[in-house]
């Protein structure tokens, strides 16, 4: 998927699990534009995984073997935690 096709990426962010929508959509809407092209590619690559796997990673039930995916998961978690603390 092209990292500049925000419409398609936005659609891919919409998941079948509410918990994933709550984690992924705010990150995309608030932080995606500020990512480097490499991080955008990692984020798009992350979206290719199935919902159960993403859920396990985002809920700290498992860790991706790929270091870049693990870094992206931690970035999503950190940014979302920062937003919650400001609310």
Protein backbone atom coordinates (compact mmCIF):
# COMPACT_ATOMS: atom_id res chain seq x y z
CA UNK A 1 0.00 0.00 0.00
CA UNK A 2 1.28 3.47 -0.87
CA UNK A 3 2.23 5.41 2.29
CA UNK A 4 0.77 8.58 0.75
CA UNK A 5 -2.66 7.10 -0.01
CA UNK A 6 -4.22 8.31 3.23
CA UNK A 7 -7.75 7.36 2.19
CA UNK A 8 -6.76 3.73 1.76
CA UNK A 9 -4.68 3.72 4.94
CA UNK A 10 -7.57 5.27 6.86
CA UNK A 11 -9.84 2.50 5.59
CA UNK A 12 -7.27 -0.13 6.64
CA UNK A 13 -7.15 1.37 10.13
CA UNK A 14 -10.82 0.54 10.60
CA UNK A 15 -10.73 -2.91 12.15
CA UNK A 16 -13.28 -5.49 13.19
CA UNK A 17 -12.50 -5.06 16.88
CA UNK A 18 -13.51 -1.95 18.80
CA UNK A 19 -10.36 -2.16 20.94
CA UNK A 20 -8.21 -1.95 17.82
CA UNK A 21 -10.20 0.97 16.44
CA UNK A 22 -9.63 2.79 19.73
CA UNK A 23 -5.88 2.14 19.54
CA UNK A 24 -5.14 2.55 15.85
CA UNK A 25 -7.47 5.31 14.62
CA UNK A 26 -6.34 8.06 17.02
CA UNK A 27 -2.71 7.30 16.20
CA UNK A 28 -3.41 7.53 12.48
CA UNK A 29 -5.49 10.68 12.78
CA UNK A 30 -3.10 12.53 15.11
CA UNK A 31 0.38 11.16 14.48
CA UNK A 32 0.67 9.60 11.02
CA UNK A 33 1.52 12.81 9.17
CA UNK A 34 4.45 13.47 11.51
CA UNK A 35 6.07 10.08 10.93
CA UNK A 36 9.12 9.59 8.76
CA UNK A 37 8.56 7.72 5.49
CA UNK A 38 10.21 4.67 7.05
CA UNK A 39 7.84 4.77 10.03
CA UNK A 40 4.89 5.25 7.68
CA UNK A 41 5.98 2.10 5.83
CA UNK A 42 6.23 0.21 9.13
CA UNK A 43 2.77 1.41 10.16
CA UNK A 44 1.27 0.33 6.83
CA UNK A 45 3.03 -3.03 7.15
CA UNK A 46 1.55 -3.40 10.64
CA UNK A 47 -1.96 -2.92 9.22
CA UNK A 48 -1.50 -6.02 7.06
CA UNK A 49 -1.65 -8.26 10.12
CA UNK A 50 -4.88 -9.91 11.24
CA UNK A 51 -6.90 -8.39 14.08
CA UNK A 52 -6.15 -11.13 16.66
CA UNK A 53 -2.40 -10.65 16.19
CA UNK A 54 -2.63 -6.85 16.39
CA UNK A 55 -4.78 -7.16 19.51
CA UNK A 56 -2.21 -9.40 21.23
CA UNK A 57 0.58 -6.97 20.41
CA UNK A 58 -1.28 -3.81 21.40
CA UNK A 59 -2.54 -5.37 24.64
CA UNK A 60 0.97 -6.57 25.55
CA UNK A 61 -0.01 -10.22 25.35
CA UNK A 62 2.73 -10.89 22.77
CA UNK A 63 5.62 -9.08 21.11
CA UNK A 64 6.38 -8.92 17.40
CA UNK A 65 9.59 -10.68 16.42
CA UNK A 66 10.35 -7.84 13.99
CA UNK A 67 12.10 -5.01 15.87
CA UNK A 68 10.55 -2.28 13.67
CA UNK A 69 7.03 -3.60 14.28
CA UNK A 70 7.75 -3.79 18.00
CA UNK A 71 8.97 -0.17 17.97
CA UNK A 72 5.81 0.91 16.11
CA UNK A 73 3.56 -0.89 18.61
CA UNK A 74 5.34 0.87 21.47
CA UNK A 75 5.05 4.20 19.68
CA UNK A 76 1.29 3.73 19.21
CA UNK A 77 0.88 2.77 22.86
CA UNK A 78 2.96 5.73 24.06
CA UNK A 79 1.18 8.32 21.90
CA UNK A 80 -2.24 7.00 22.92
CA UNK A 81 -1.24 7.03 26.62
CA UNK A 82 -0.06 10.65 26.28
CA UNK A 83 -3.39 11.64 24.73
CA UNK A 84 -5.34 9.92 27.52
CA UNK A 85 -3.30 11.71 30.19
CA UNK A 86 -4.14 15.08 28.63
CA UNK A 87 -7.88 14.39 28.57
